[in-house]
């Protein structure tokens, strides 16, 4: 076992709304939306994180954990209690028979971790390049992209149980991972403190399962490619969809995919032509296709007096702040889209993003 010096930047150096001392949630989210906080504290270590949450719980003060703010929609009224910024940065490395296990603190930047592992010729995270946010958020919705997800590599995680006031180590089975969901997604009971992931030593990727990515790489589905090629291609794909954070690009002023791809036992006849994949005995449909076919094309809202929000001009699954928007405007647009998809296809979309002190 050996510690690895982390290159994770502190939250005030990440590409969010402001590099100044934050005073509102708009300063801490990639949407640049959200009102004031009762107070804002920074947890620089895992011990700080547990102590701050435990103290607030003892005082019956509402707690909102904020990492990269890339999956968080906060109401215009802000947050009435304490906002805890997760900034722990430790990484421990353990050699295994065929690779490496890394125990990574919740406050480490996810893409910084991906970049580091690929530089060290460790395969397993390459197709999840460019995903914003911090490591601690990834198990909550079982983050994934281009055929891979966190559950594929996670071997253990450490959590703080706020109800029992205990720190525990969980196995993956206990996490109840599913498509963009887990035991942590719909509850505030647990705080993820660190995750342990297992990677393999290789200059080449794991088999590429996502057809679009394989075609871009010039390989067959299920084949491998150099790690650097996979990362650069994934970043190119994500950037083309406004899914790489860029302060100058308002299409990235979003939470990425606002709606989750629906999983259905039976596909309605009206949606028979929708791109779909079998997952665990159910069918996963493309929410982006459903949204576009329901009449909400790229850039929808820009010419309709919608205010300062619109569907991304690059990807129909992202809802964006064009500058000066409010959360109420964003949720009004989301509600219009959800209603339109339900009317057209009989499918009700659910938000992938976390909604705090607001509702859809």
Protein backbone atom coordinates (compact mmCIF):
# COMPACT_ATOMS: atom_id res chain seq x y z
CA UNK A 1 0.00 0.00 0.00
CA UNK A 2 1.30 3.43 -0.84
CA UNK A 3 -0.15 6.92 -0.94
CA UNK A 4 -0.25 8.70 -4.25
CA UNK A 5 0.08 12.47 -4.26
CA UNK A 6 -3.20 13.77 -5.60
CA UNK A 7 -3.38 16.36 -8.36
CA UNK A 8 -7.04 17.01 -7.58
CA UNK A 9 -7.76 20.72 -7.53
CA UNK A 10 -9.69 22.32 -4.72
CA UNK A 11 -13.30 23.23 -5.53
CA UNK A 12 -12.48 26.94 -5.97
CA UNK A 13 -10.15 26.03 -8.85
CA UNK A 14 -12.70 23.97 -10.81
CA UNK A 15 -14.54 25.26 -13.85
CA UNK A 16 -17.72 26.40 -12.15
CA UNK A 17 -19.56 29.67 -12.08
CA UNK A 18 -16.98 31.75 -10.23
CA UNK A 19 -13.45 31.60 -8.87
CA UNK A 20 -14.35 34.06 -6.11
CA UNK A 21 -15.41 33.01 -2.62
CA UNK A 22 -18.85 31.46 -3.21
CA UNK A 23 -21.92 33.04 -1.66
CA UNK A 24 -24.71 31.35 -3.61
CA UNK A 25 -25.30 27.92 -5.10
CA UNK A 26 -25.01 29.51 -8.53
CA UNK A 27 -21.30 29.89 -7.73
CA UNK A 28 -21.01 26.14 -7.11
CA UNK A 29 -23.02 24.53 -9.92
CA UNK A 30 -22.30 24.03 -13.60
CA UNK A 31 -25.77 25.37 -14.41
CA UNK A 32 -24.82 28.63 -12.67
CA UNK A 33 -28.24 28.50 -10.98
CA UNK A 34 -29.35 28.47 -7.34
CA UNK A 35 -29.96 30.99 -4.59
CA UNK A 36 -28.04 31.74 -1.37
CA UNK A 37 -26.93 29.25 1.26
CA UNK A 38 -27.39 29.61 5.01
CA UNK A 39 -23.65 29.04 5.26
CA UNK A 40 -20.93 27.32 3.24
CA UNK A 41 -18.25 25.09 4.77
CA UNK A 42 -15.37 23.22 3.09
CA UNK A 43 -14.44 19.65 4.07
CA UNK A 44 -10.73 19.40 3.22
CA UNK A 45 -10.42 15.86 4.65
CA UNK A 46 -12.62 12.83 5.14
CA UNK A 47 -12.62 13.55 8.86
CA UNK A 48 -13.82 17.10 8.19
CA UNK A 49 -16.63 15.75 6.01
CA UNK A 50 -17.92 13.39 8.69
CA UNK A 51 -17.57 16.03 11.42
CA UNK A 52 -19.41 18.75 9.50
CA UNK A 53 -22.31 16.49 8.58
CA UNK A 54 -22.55 15.03 12.09
CA UNK A 55 -22.50 18.49 13.66
CA UNK A 56 -25.27 19.75 11.39
CA UNK A 57 -27.35 16.65 12.09
CA UNK A 58 -27.00 17.16 15.84
CA UNK A 59 -28.23 20.73 15.39
CA UNK A 60 -31.05 19.65 13.03
CA UNK A 61 -29.57 21.86 10.32
CA UNK A 62 -30.33 20.87 6.69
CA UNK A 63 -27.21 19.63 4.86
CA UNK A 64 -26.47 19.89 1.16
CA UNK A 65 -23.29 18.21 -0.08
CA UNK A 66 -21.71 19.83 -3.14
CA UNK A 67 -18.85 18.45 -5.15
CA UNK A 68 -18.44 19.56 -8.75
CA UNK A 69 -22.05 20.75 -8.89
CA UNK A 70 -22.43 19.08 -12.29
CA UNK A 71 -25.56 17.07 -11.46
CA UNK A 72 -27.28 19.54 -9.14
CA UNK A 73 -30.28 21.79 -9.71
CA UNK A 74 -30.89 24.15 -6.77
CA UNK A 75 -33.99 26.27 -6.33
CA UNK A 76 -33.92 30.04 -6.65
CA UNK A 77 -34.55 30.30 -2.89
CA UNK A 78 -31.20 28.57 -2.32
CA UNK A 79 -30.51 26.23 0.59
CA UNK A 80 -31.70 27.05 4.13
CA UNK A 81 -28.95 25.19 5.99
CA UNK A 82 -25.28 24.37 5.56
CA UNK A 83 -23.67 23.65 2.20
CA UNK A 84 -20.68 21.35 2.61
CA UNK A 85 -18.14 21.54 -0.20
CA UNK A 86 -16.38 18.17 -0.54
CA UNK A 87 -12.62 18.73 -1.05
CA UNK A 88 -10.89 15.61 0.36
CA UNK A 89 -8.04 14.58 -1.94
CA UNK A 90 -6.26 11.41 -0.76
CA UNK A 91 -5.49 8.51 -3.11
CA UNK A 92 -4.04 5.19 -1.88
CA UNK A 93 -2.69 2.58 -4.30
CA UNK A 94 -2.64 -1.20 -3.72
CA UNK A 95 -0.94 -3.66 -6.06
CA UNK A 96 -3.00 -6.73 -7.01
CA UNK A 97 -2.13 -9.87 -8.93
CA UNK A 98 -3.20 -8.47 -12.31
CA UNK A 99 -3.39 -4.75 -11.71
CA UNK A 100 -4.02 -2.07 -9.13
CA UNK A 101 -6.68 -1.06 -6.64
CA UNK A 102 -7.04 2.63 -5.87
CA UNK A 103 -8.88 3.96 -2.83
CA UNK A 104 -9.87 7.49 -3.80
CA UNK A 105 -11.34 10.17 -1.54
CA UNK A 106 -14.71 11.64 -2.44
CA UNK A 107 -13.29 15.10 -3.23
CA UNK A 108 -10.94 14.03 -6.02
CA UNK A 109 -11.98 15.28 -9.46
CA UNK A 110 -13.30 12.37 -11.52
CA UNK A 111 -11.70 13.31 -14.84
CA UNK A 112 -8.43 14.15 -13.13
CA UNK A 113 -8.49 10.59 -11.77
CA UNK A 114 -9.22 9.19 -15.22
CA UNK A 115 -6.39 11.17 -16.79
CA UNK A 116 -3.95 10.04 -14.10
CA UNK A 117 -4.82 6.35 -14.42
CA UNK A 118 -4.42 6.41 -18.18
CA UNK A 119 -1.04 8.13 -17.85
CA UNK A 120 -0.06 5.26 -15.54
CA UNK A 121 -1.20 2.73 -18.20
CA UNK A 122 -4.15 1.52 -16.13
CA UNK A 123 -7.22 0.43 -18.09
CA UNK A 124 -10.81 0.59 -16.91
CA UNK A 125 -11.87 4.24 -16.81
CA UNK A 126 -11.00 5.35 -20.34
CA UNK A 127 -14.55 5.47 -21.78
CA UNK A 128 -15.67 7.57 -18.81
CA UNK A 129 -13.29 10.41 -19.72
CA UNK A 130 -14.62 13.95 -19.54
CA UNK A 131 -17.42 13.28 -17.06
CA UNK A 132 -17.52 16.32 -14.73
CA UNK A 133 -17.83 16.21 -10.96
CA UNK A 134 -16.06 14.43 -8.12
CA UNK A 135 -15.37 10.79 -7.33
CA UNK A 136 -17.79 10.70 -4.38
CA UNK A 137 -20.75 11.47 -6.62
CA UNK A 138 -20.09 8.69 -9.13
CA UNK A 139 -21.58 5.75 -7.18
CA UNK A 140 -24.75 7.69 -6.35
CA UNK A 141 -26.21 7.43 -9.84
CA UNK A 142 -23.76 4.79 -11.05
CA UNK A 143 -22.15 7.21 -13.48
CA UNK A 144 -21.25 5.83 -16.86
CA UNK A 145 -20.70 6.57 -20.54
CA UNK A 146 -20.07 4.78 -23.82
CA UNK A 147 -20.75 1.28 -22.54
CA UNK A 148 -19.04 1.49 -19.13
CA UNK A 149 -20.19 2.45 -15.65
CA UNK A 150 -18.64 2.87 -12.23
CA UNK A 151 -20.10 -0.42 -11.02
CA UNK A 152 -17.86 -2.21 -13.53
CA UNK A 153 -14.70 -1.27 -11.61
CA UNK A 154 -15.83 -0.54 -8.04
CA UNK A 155 -14.83 -3.13 -5.43
CA UNK A 156 -15.72 -1.30 -2.19
CA UNK A 157 -16.65 2.07 -0.80
CA UNK A 158 -16.69 3.78 2.57
CA UNK A 159 -19.82 5.61 3.68
CA UNK A 160 -21.02 7.58 6.68
CA UNK A 161 -24.46 6.44 7.82
CA UNK A 162 -26.12 9.59 9.17
CA UNK A 163 -28.94 7.66 10.82
CA UNK A 164 -26.72 5.25 12.75
CA UNK A 165 -23.82 7.74 12.97
CA UNK A 166 -21.35 5.09 11.82
CA UNK A 167 -18.61 4.86 9.19
CA UNK A 168 -18.90 1.58 7.26
CA UNK A 169 -17.30 -0.21 4.32
CA UNK A 170 -19.77 -1.51 1.75
CA UNK A 171 -19.38 -4.16 -0.94
CA UNK A 172 -20.77 -3.47 -4.43
CA UNK A 173 -23.66 -5.91 -3.87
CA UNK A 174 -24.93 -3.81 -0.99
CA UNK A 175 -25.01 -0.71 -3.21
CA UNK A 176 -27.82 -2.11 -5.43
CA UNK A 177 -26.37 -0.65 -8.59
CA UNK A 178 -28.62 -0.34 -11.62
CA UNK A 179 -28.80 1.85 -14.70
CA UNK A 180 -28.02 5.36 -13.36
CA UNK A 181 -29.17 4.40 -9.89
CA UNK A 182 -28.00 2.91 -6.59
CA UNK A 183 -28.94 2.58 -2.94
CA UNK A 184 -27.69 6.16 -2.48
CA UNK A 185 -29.67 7.97 -5.15
CA UNK A 186 -33.01 8.65 -3.47
CA UNK A 187 -31.86 9.15 0.09
CA UNK A 188 -29.69 11.59 2.03
CA UNK A 189 -28.94 8.99 4.71
CA UNK A 190 -25.50 8.03 3.37
CA UNK A 191 -22.44 10.14 2.60
CA UNK A 192 -19.83 8.57 0.30
CA UNK A 193 -16.39 9.11 1.82
CA UNK A 194 -14.19 7.18 -0.63
CA UNK A 195 -14.37 4.51 -3.32
CA UNK A 196 -12.05 1.63 -4.18
CA UNK A 197 -11.70 0.71 -7.85
CA UNK A 198 -9.82 -2.12 -9.53
CA UNK A 199 -7.94 -1.43 -12.78
CA UNK A 200 -5.73 -3.57 -15.00
CA UNK A 201 -2.21 -2.78 -16.19
CA UNK A 202 -2.44 -2.32 -19.94
CA UNK A 203 -1.61 0.14 -22.69
CA UNK A 204 -4.86 -0.81 -24.40
CA UNK A 205 -8.44 -0.26 -23.40
CA UNK A 206 -10.92 -2.79 -22.19
CA UNK A 207 -13.18 -4.11 -24.99
CA UNK A 208 -15.15 -1.19 -26.45
CA UNK A 209 -18.83 -2.10 -26.20
CA UNK A 210 -20.43 1.10 -27.50
CA UNK A 211 -20.92 0.95 -31.27
CA UNK A 212 -20.62 4.71 -31.96
CA UNK A 213 -17.31 4.86 -30.11
CA UNK A 214 -15.97 1.73 -31.82
CA UNK A 215 -16.79 3.21 -35.24
CA UNK A 216 -15.03 6.48 -34.36
CA UNK A 217 -11.99 4.48 -33.28
CA UNK A 218 -12.03 2.42 -36.48
CA UNK A 219 -12.34 -0.89 -34.63
CA UNK A 220 -15.00 -3.56 -34.30
CA UNK A 221 -17.41 -3.61 -31.39
CA UNK A 222 -15.74 -5.57 -28.57
CA UNK A 223 -12.19 -4.85 -29.75
CA UNK A 224 -9.60 -2.76 -27.93
CA UNK A 225 -7.68 0.41 -28.76
CA UNK A 226 -4.79 2.40 -27.25
CA UNK A 227 -5.83 4.14 -24.04
CA UNK A 228 -4.87 7.58 -25.32
CA UNK A 229 -6.93 7.10 -28.49
CA UNK A 230 -10.01 6.08 -26.52
CA UNK A 231 -9.72 9.09 -24.22
CA UNK A 232 -9.21 11.62 -27.02
CA UNK A 233 -12.09 10.16 -29.03
CA UNK A 234 -14.46 10.15 -26.05
CA UNK A 235 -13.56 13.76 -25.26
CA UNK A 236 -14.16 14.70 -28.90
CA UNK A 237 -17.59 13.03 -28.82
CA UNK A 238 -18.54 14.65 -25.53
CA UNK A 239 -17.35 18.07 -26.67
CA UNK A 240 -19.44 17.81 -29.83
CA UNK A 241 -22.48 17.38 -27.59
CA UNK A 242 -21.60 20.21 -25.20
CA UNK A 243 -20.79 17.68 -22.47
CA UNK A 244 -17.29 18.97 -21.65
CA UNK A 245 -17.27 21.94 -19.28
CA UNK A 246 -16.31 25.18 -21.02
CA UNK A 247 -17.13 28.54 -19.46
CA UNK A 248 -17.36 30.13 -22.92
CA UNK A 249 -19.79 27.49 -24.22
CA UNK A 250 -23.31 27.99 -22.87
CA UNK A 251 -24.25 24.52 -24.11
CA UNK A 252 -22.10 23.22 -21.25
CA UNK A 253 -23.96 25.39 -18.71
CA UNK A 254 -26.06 22.38 -17.86
CA UNK A 255 -26.18 19.23 -15.76
CA UNK A 256 -25.35 17.09 -18.77
CA UNK A 257 -28.24 14.75 -19.43
CA UNK A 258 -31.21 16.30 -17.65
CA UNK A 259 -33.48 13.27 -18.17
CA UNK A 260 -32.52 9.64 -17.72
CA UNK A 261 -33.02 7.15 -20.56
CA UNK A 262 -36.25 5.34 -19.58
CA UNK A 263 -36.21 1.61 -18.77
CA UNK A 264 -39.47 -0.10 -19.74
CA UNK A 265 -40.91 -3.59 -19.45
CA UNK A 266 -42.82 -3.00 -22.68
CA UNK A 267 -42.20 -0.41 -25.39
CA UNK A 268 -45.33 1.47 -26.52
CA UNK A 269 -46.17 1.08 -30.20
CA UNK A 270 -45.72 4.82 -30.71
CA UNK A 271 -42.07 4.50 -29.67
CA UNK A 272 -41.28 1.36 -31.68
CA UNK A 273 -38.76 3.23 -33.86
CA UNK A 274 -36.88 4.69 -30.88
CA UNK A 275 -33.28 3.43 -30.51
CA UNK A 276 -33.40 0.88 -27.72
CA UNK A 277 -31.25 -1.68 -25.94
CA UNK A 278 -32.04 -4.67 -23.76
CA UNK A 279 -30.76 -4.17 -20.21
CA UNK A 280 -31.44 -6.71 -17.47
CA UNK A 281 -34.56 -8.00 -19.16
CA UNK A 282 -35.97 -4.50 -19.78
CA UNK A 283 -35.68 -2.12 -22.69
CA UNK A 284 -33.71 1.11 -22.38
CA UNK A 285 -34.88 3.82 -24.76
CA UNK A 286 -33.07 6.94 -25.98
CA UNK A 287 -34.53 9.92 -24.12
CA UNK A 288 -32.79 12.25 -26.58
CA UNK A 289 -34.68 10.65 -29.50
CA UNK A 290 -38.01 10.79 -27.66
CA UNK A 291 -37.48 14.48 -26.86
CA UNK A 292 -36.58 15.41 -30.42
CA UNK A 293 -39.42 13.41 -31.97
CA UNK A 294 -41.85 15.04 -29.57
CA UNK A 295 -40.98 18.40 -31.13
CA UNK A 296 -38.18 19.67 -28.93
CA UNK A 297 -35.24 20.06 -31.27
CA UNK A 298 -31.76 21.39 -30.51
CA UNK A 299 -31.95 25.01 -29.44
CA UNK A 300 -35.65 24.80 -28.62
CA UNK A 301 -36.61 27.80 -26.52
CA UNK A 302 -34.15 30.26 -28.02
CA UNK A 303 -36.78 31.74 -30.35
CA UNK A 304 -39.87 31.26 -28.20
CA UNK A 305 -39.55 33.94 -25.55
CA UNK A 306 -38.54 31.27 -23.07
CA UNK A 307 -36.21 33.62 -21.29
CA UNK A 308 -32.63 32.54 -20.78
CA UNK A 309 -33.01 28.74 -20.96
CA UNK A 310 -33.13 26.36 -23.91
CA UNK A 311 -32.45 22.86 -25.08
CA UNK A 312 -28.75 22.62 -25.96
CA UNK A 313 -27.90 23.51 -29.54
CA UNK A 314 -25.74 20.38 -29.64
CA UNK A 315 -27.78 17.70 -27.85
CA UNK A 316 -31.47 17.43 -27.02
CA UNK A 317 -30.87 15.73 -23.67
CA UNK A 318 -29.25 18.80 -22.11
CA UNK A 319 -31.16 21.84 -20.83
CA UNK A 320 -29.02 24.94 -20.66
CA UNK A 321 -28.68 28.34 -19.03
CA UNK A 322 -27.92 30.88 -21.74
CA UNK A 323 -26.94 33.46 -19.11
CA UNK A 324 -29.09 35.19 -16.53
CA UNK A 325 -31.61 32.34 -16.23
CA UNK A 326 -33.52 31.23 -13.14
CA UNK A 327 -34.12 27.72 -11.87
CA UNK A 328 -37.86 28.32 -12.20
CA UNK A 329 -37.40 28.96 -15.94
CA UNK A 330 -35.32 25.81 -16.34
CA UNK A 331 -37.89 23.63 -14.55
CA UNK A 332 -40.73 25.16 -16.59
CA UNK A 333 -38.93 24.09 -19.77
CA UNK A 334 -38.25 20.62 -18.31
CA UNK A 335 -41.94 20.23 -17.41
CA UNK A 336 -42.98 21.25 -20.93
CA UNK A 337 -40.65 18.66 -22.45
CA UNK A 338 -41.75 15.91 -20.07
CA UNK A 339 -45.42 16.61 -20.84
CA UNK A 340 -44.75 16.67 -24.58
CA UNK A 341 -42.98 13.29 -24.53
CA UNK A 342 -45.75 11.76 -22.43
CA UNK A 343 -48.45 13.07 -24.77
CA UNK A 344 -46.61 11.81 -27.86
CA UNK A 345 -45.36 8.44 -26.64
CA UNK A 346 -47.06 7.64 -23.33
CA UNK A 347 -43.65 7.60 -21.63
CA UNK A 348 -42.94 9.74 -18.57
CA UNK A 349 -39.33 10.89 -18.35
CA UNK A 350 -37.63 11.25 -14.97
CA UNK A 351 -34.84 13.67 -14.08
CA UNK A 352 -31.31 12.32 -13.89
CA UNK A 353 -30.16 15.41 -12.03
CA UNK A 354 -30.49 15.93 -8.25
CA UNK A 355 -33.13 18.55 -7.43
CA UNK A 356 -32.48 20.48 -4.20
CA UNK A 357 -35.13 22.75 -2.68
CA UNK A 358 -37.05 22.63 -5.94
CA UNK A 359 -39.27 20.12 -7.73
CA UNK A 360 -40.32 19.07 -11.23
